[in-house]
């Protein structure tokens, strides 16, 4: 997102924050009501309807206090909204944080944990081969093909672990 040639609008920047900063343990983003309530609790009056207008671009000139409240809520510097270089830096950092969150979420999956436990103790060469197999299966699924089951491949899933 931060690598576009044209500066992003205020609405784009706010929507990017909504998409990037999620409540802990929840897949869906904050609602305008949640953000407005938190900003009000921190001492700045703002309505969820006004946030919606900012996000849709119907209002594009918020007060300094509103932008500071948004910045504080999403954990970004207020300059994020004014300085495109700062926005690019923050967006890059948010992208890295989102990738870490996605990785954490993946490892909380019982299926992923099972694969990781079964791979424990394998040699580096075997781990590389396992990675290649996973990449191949992912490519098959993305092409809409089904993955053969154990009976078709002759692979016995019983590991004795």
C-alpha atoms as a PDB file:
ATOM      1  CA  UNK A   1       0.000   0.000   0.000  1.00  0.00           C
ATOM      2  CA  UNK A   2       2.747   2.467   0.816  1.00  0.00           C
ATOM      3  CA  UNK A   3       4.372   1.970  -2.563  1.00  0.00           C
ATOM      4  CA  UNK A   4       1.814   3.769  -4.695  1.00  0.00           C
ATOM      5  CA  UNK A   5       2.846   6.696  -6.880  1.00  0.00           C
ATOM      6  CA  UNK A   6      -0.089   8.895  -5.848  1.00  0.00           C
ATOM      7  CA  UNK A   7      -0.623   9.984  -2.252  1.00  0.00           C
ATOM      8  CA  UNK A   8      -3.514   8.220  -0.584  1.00  0.00           C
ATOM      9  CA  UNK A   9      -6.571  10.166   0.491  1.00  0.00           C
ATOM     10  CA  UNK A  10      -7.461  10.639   4.130  1.00  0.00           C
ATOM     11  CA  UNK A  11     -10.268   8.089   3.695  1.00  0.00           C
ATOM     12  CA  UNK A  12      -7.783   5.571   2.227  1.00  0.00           C
ATOM     13  CA  UNK A  13      -5.421   6.052   5.162  1.00  0.00           C
ATOM     14  CA  UNK A  14      -8.171   5.668   7.757  1.00  0.00           C
ATOM     15  CA  UNK A  15      -9.584   2.580   6.036  1.00  0.00           C
ATOM     16  CA  UNK A  16      -6.105   1.096   5.843  1.00  0.00           C
ATOM     17  CA  UNK A  17      -5.772   1.500   9.607  1.00  0.00           C
ATOM     18  CA  UNK A  18      -9.131  -0.214  10.141  1.00  0.00           C
ATOM     19  CA  UNK A  19      -8.019  -3.102   7.911  1.00  0.00           C
ATOM     20  CA  UNK A  20      -4.571  -3.407   9.471  1.00  0.00           C
ATOM     21  CA  UNK A  21      -5.146  -2.945  13.206  1.00  0.00           C
ATOM     22  CA  UNK A  22      -7.427  -5.637  14.598  1.00  0.00           C
ATOM     23  CA  UNK A  23      -8.738  -6.283  18.079  1.00  0.00           C
ATOM     24  CA  UNK A  24      -6.726  -8.959  19.846  1.00  0.00           C
ATOM     25  CA  UNK A  25      -8.091 -12.424  19.154  1.00  0.00           C
ATOM     26  CA  UNK A  26     -10.660 -11.285  16.610  1.00  0.00           C
ATOM     27  CA  UNK A  27     -10.573 -11.722  12.839  1.00  0.00           C
ATOM     28  CA  UNK A  28     -12.922  -8.884  11.929  1.00  0.00           C
ATOM     29  CA  UNK A  29     -11.865  -5.235  12.166  1.00  0.00           C
ATOM     30  CA  UNK A  30     -13.069  -2.642  14.622  1.00  0.00           C
ATOM     31  CA  UNK A  31     -16.444  -1.066  13.903  1.00  0.00           C
ATOM     32  CA  UNK A  32     -16.944   2.687  13.687  1.00  0.00           C
ATOM     33  CA  UNK A  33     -18.960   2.455  16.921  1.00  0.00           C
ATOM     34  CA  UNK A  34     -16.066   0.764  18.752  1.00  0.00           C
ATOM     35  CA  UNK A  35     -13.501   3.275  17.509  1.00  0.00           C
ATOM     36  CA  UNK A  36     -15.717   6.274  18.305  1.00  0.00           C
ATOM     37  CA  UNK A  37     -16.460   4.945  21.813  1.00  0.00           C
ATOM     38  CA  UNK A  38     -12.754   4.417  22.548  1.00  0.00           C
ATOM     39  CA  UNK A  39     -11.802   7.877  21.251  1.00  0.00           C
ATOM     40  CA  UNK A  40     -14.577   9.435  23.369  1.00  0.00           C
ATOM     41  CA  UNK A  41     -13.365   7.491  26.438  1.00  0.00           C
ATOM     42  CA  UNK A  42      -9.919   8.984  25.825  1.00  0.00           C
ATOM     43  CA  UNK A  43     -11.429  12.481  25.959  1.00  0.00           C
ATOM     44  CA  UNK A  44     -12.224  13.509  22.376  1.00  0.00           C
ATOM     45  CA  UNK A  45     -15.848  13.838  21.275  1.00  0.00           C
ATOM     46  CA  UNK A  46     -16.514  12.030  17.994  1.00  0.00           C
ATOM     47  CA  UNK A  47     -19.449  10.070  16.640  1.00  0.00           C
ATOM     48  CA  UNK A  48     -19.457   6.810  14.760  1.00  0.00           C
ATOM     49  CA  UNK A  49     -21.466   8.527  12.006  1.00  0.00           C
ATOM     50  CA  UNK A  50     -18.705  11.118  11.580  1.00  0.00           C
ATOM     51  CA  UNK A  51     -16.086   8.349  11.381  1.00  0.00           C
ATOM     52  CA  UNK A  52     -18.170   6.740   8.664  1.00  0.00           C
ATOM     53  CA  UNK A  53     -18.233  10.020   6.732  1.00  0.00           C
ATOM     54  CA  UNK A  54     -14.434  10.284   7.040  1.00  0.00           C
ATOM     55  CA  UNK A  55     -14.008   6.691   5.857  1.00  0.00           C
ATOM     56  CA  UNK A  56     -16.233   7.202   2.811  1.00  0.00           C
ATOM     57  CA  UNK A  57     -14.570  10.494   1.902  1.00  0.00           C
ATOM     58  CA  UNK A  58     -17.782  12.472   2.422  1.00  0.00           C
ATOM     59  CA  UNK A  59     -15.879  14.516   5.008  1.00  0.00           C
ATOM     60  CA  UNK A  60     -12.201  15.193   4.423  1.00  0.00           C
ATOM     61  CA  UNK A  61     -11.253  17.991   6.804  1.00  0.00           C
ATOM     62  CA  UNK A  62     -11.420  16.676  10.374  1.00  0.00           C
ATOM     63  CA  UNK A  63     -10.170  18.662  13.315  1.00  0.00           C
ATOM     64  CA  UNK A  64      -6.670  18.183  14.644  1.00  0.00           C
ATOM     65  CA  UNK A  65      -8.184  16.650  17.795  1.00  0.00           C
ATOM     66  CA  UNK A  66     -10.103  14.059  15.744  1.00  0.00           C
ATOM     67  CA  UNK A  67      -6.970  13.039  13.854  1.00  0.00           C
ATOM     68  CA  UNK A  68      -4.993  12.869  17.087  1.00  0.00           C
ATOM     69  CA  UNK A  69      -7.723  10.675  18.575  1.00  0.00           C
ATOM     70  CA  UNK A  70      -7.638   8.354  15.568  1.00  0.00           C
ATOM     71  CA  UNK A  71      -3.837   8.242  15.649  1.00  0.00           C
ATOM     72  CA  UNK A  72      -3.818   7.451  19.373  1.00  0.00           C
ATOM     73  CA  UNK A  73      -6.451   4.729  18.973  1.00  0.00           C
ATOM     74  CA  UNK A  74      -4.619   2.998  16.085  1.00  0.00           C
ATOM     75  CA  UNK A  75      -1.164   3.537  17.573  1.00  0.00           C
ATOM     76  CA  UNK A  76       0.284   5.642  14.753  1.00  0.00           C
ATOM     77  CA  UNK A  77       1.831   9.105  14.810  1.00  0.00           C
ATOM     78  CA  UNK A  78      -0.569  11.937  13.888  1.00  0.00           C
ATOM     79  CA  UNK A  79       1.797  12.783  11.013  1.00  0.00           C
ATOM     80  CA  UNK A  80       0.549   9.583   9.346  1.00  0.00           C
ATOM     81  CA  UNK A  81      -2.431  11.559   8.064  1.00  0.00           C
ATOM     82  CA  UNK A  82      -0.400  14.486   6.658  1.00  0.00           C
ATOM     83  CA  UNK A  83       3.000  13.187   5.597  1.00  0.00           C
ATOM     84  CA  UNK A  84       3.004  10.639   2.763  1.00  0.00           C
ATOM     85  CA  UNK A  85       6.555   9.492   3.596  1.00  0.00           C
ATOM     86  CA  UNK A  86       5.494   8.866   7.193  1.00  0.00           C
ATOM     87  CA  UNK A  87       2.381   7.052   5.942  1.00  0.00           C
ATOM     88  CA  UNK A  88       4.573   4.815   3.783  1.00  0.00           C
ATOM     89  CA  UNK A  89       6.811   3.976   6.754  1.00  0.00           C
ATOM     90  CA  UNK A  90       3.835   3.240   9.009  1.00  0.00           C
ATOM     91  CA  UNK A  91       2.121   1.161   6.303  1.00  0.00           C
ATOM     92  CA  UNK A  92       5.288  -0.917   5.877  1.00  0.00           C
ATOM     93  CA  UNK A  93       5.427  -1.489   9.630  1.00  0.00           C
ATOM     94  CA  UNK A  94       1.713  -2.382   9.722  1.00  0.00           C
ATOM     95  CA  UNK A  95       2.286  -4.848   6.874  1.00  0.00           C
ATOM     96  CA  UNK A  96       5.030  -6.562   8.893  1.00  0.00           C
ATOM     97  CA  UNK A  97       2.846  -6.643  12.014  1.00  0.00           C
ATOM     98  CA  UNK A  98      -0.045  -8.094  10.011  1.00  0.00           C
ATOM     99  CA  UNK A  99       2.256 -10.815   8.657  1.00  0.00           C
ATOM    100  CA  UNK A 100       3.348 -11.657  12.208  1.00  0.00           C
ATOM    101  CA  UNK A 101      -0.292 -11.739  13.346  1.00  0.00           C
ATOM    102  CA  UNK A 102      -1.174 -14.056  10.475  1.00  0.00           C
ATOM    103  CA  UNK A 103       1.758 -16.316  11.369  1.00  0.00           C
ATOM    104  CA  UNK A 104       0.679 -16.384  15.019  1.00  0.00           C
ATOM    105  CA  UNK A 105      -2.894 -17.209  13.965  1.00  0.00           C
ATOM    106  CA  UNK A 106      -1.608 -20.029  11.751  1.00  0.00           C
ATOM    107  CA  UNK A 107       0.352 -21.578  14.612  1.00  0.00           C
ATOM    108  CA  UNK A 108      -2.699 -21.461  16.853  1.00  0.00           C
ATOM    109  CA  UNK A 109      -4.422 -23.812  14.395  1.00  0.00           C
ATOM    110  CA  UNK A 110      -4.492 -27.405  15.719  1.00  0.00           C
ATOM    111  CA  UNK A 111      -3.786 -28.709  12.191  1.00  0.00           C
ATOM    112  CA  UNK A 112      -0.680 -26.569  11.772  1.00  0.00           C
ATOM    113  CA  UNK A 113       0.512 -27.467  15.256  1.00  0.00           C
ATOM    114  CA  UNK A 114       0.115 -31.176  14.407  1.00  0.00           C
ATOM    115  CA  UNK A 115       2.217 -30.809  11.248  1.00  0.00           C
ATOM    116  CA  UNK A 116       4.882 -28.865  13.162  1.00  0.00           C
ATOM    117  CA  UNK A 117       5.044 -31.514  15.895  1.00  0.00           C
ATOM    118  CA  UNK A 118       5.365 -34.299  13.339  1.00  0.00           C
ATOM    119  CA  UNK A 119       8.196 -32.400  11.609  1.00  0.00           C
ATOM    120  CA  UNK A 120      10.117 -31.934  14.854  1.00  0.00           C
ATOM    121  CA  UNK A 121      13.495 -33.630  14.708  1.00  0.00           C
ATOM    122  CA  UNK A 122      13.640 -34.011  10.919  1.00  0.00           C
ATOM    123  CA  UNK A 123      16.893 -33.156   9.172  1.00  0.00           C
ATOM    124  CA  UNK A 124      17.255 -29.857   7.287  1.00  0.00           C
ATOM    125  CA  UNK A 125      17.023 -31.725   3.981  1.00  0.00           C
ATOM    126  CA  UNK A 126      13.816 -33.463   5.052  1.00  0.00           C
ATOM    127  CA  UNK A 127      12.340 -30.147   6.257  1.00  0.00           C
ATOM    128  CA  UNK A 128      13.128 -28.574   2.866  1.00  0.00           C
ATOM    129  CA  UNK A 129      11.440 -31.501   1.107  1.00  0.00           C
ATOM    130  CA  UNK A 130       8.429 -31.198   3.408  1.00  0.00           C
ATOM    131  CA  UNK A 131       8.237 -27.496   2.573  1.00  0.00           C
ATOM    132  CA  UNK A 132       8.295 -28.333  -1.144  1.00  0.00           C
ATOM    133  CA  UNK A 133       5.481 -30.852  -0.666  1.00  0.00           C
ATOM    134  CA  UNK A 134       3.385 -28.271   1.195  1.00  0.00           C
ATOM    135  CA  UNK A 135       4.038 -25.710  -1.578  1.00  0.00           C
ATOM    136  CA  UNK A 136       2.947 -28.293  -4.165  1.00  0.00           C
ATOM    137  CA  UNK A 137      -0.266 -29.127  -2.283  1.00  0.00           C
ATOM    138  CA  UNK A 138      -1.031 -25.408  -1.869  1.00  0.00           C
ATOM    139  CA  UNK A 139      -0.542 -24.882  -5.630  1.00  0.00           C
ATOM    140  CA  UNK A 140      -2.898 -27.779  -6.362  1.00  0.00           C
ATOM    141  CA  UNK A 141      -5.562 -26.324  -4.092  1.00  0.00           C
ATOM    142  CA  UNK A 142      -5.214 -22.867  -5.635  1.00  0.00           C
ATOM    143  CA  UNK A 143      -5.773 -24.386  -9.071  1.00  0.00           C
ATOM    144  CA  UNK A 144      -8.973 -25.996  -7.781  1.00  0.00           C
ATOM    145  CA  UNK A 145      -7.618 -29.531  -7.946  1.00  0.00           C
ATOM    146  CA  UNK A 146      -8.190 -31.944  -5.119  1.00  0.00           C
ATOM    147  CA  UNK A 147      -5.307 -33.423  -3.224  1.00  0.00           C
ATOM    148  CA  UNK A 148      -5.046 -37.228  -3.449  1.00  0.00           C
ATOM    149  CA  UNK A 149      -5.807 -39.044  -0.220  1.00  0.00           C
ATOM    150  CA  UNK A 150      -3.572 -41.612   1.469  1.00  0.00           C
ATOM    151  CA  UNK A 151      -5.192 -44.556  -0.350  1.00  0.00           C
ATOM    152  CA  UNK A 152      -4.320 -43.010  -3.732  1.00  0.00           C
ATOM    153  CA  UNK A 153      -0.740 -42.104  -2.816  1.00  0.00           C
ATOM    154  CA  UNK A 154       0.134 -45.053  -0.653  1.00  0.00           C
ATOM    155  CA  UNK A 155       1.244 -42.686   2.122  1.00  0.00           C
ATOM    156  CA  UNK A 156       0.461 -44.031   5.592  1.00  0.00           C
ATOM    157  CA  UNK A 157      -0.480 -41.184   7.948  1.00  0.00           C
ATOM    158  CA  UNK A 158       0.075 -43.252  11.078  1.00  0.00           C
ATOM    159  CA  UNK A 159       3.251 -41.939  12.619  1.00  0.00           C
ATOM    160  CA  UNK A 160       3.084 -43.581  16.008  1.00  0.00           C
ATOM    161  CA  UNK A 161       3.584 -40.183  17.733  1.00  0.00           C
END
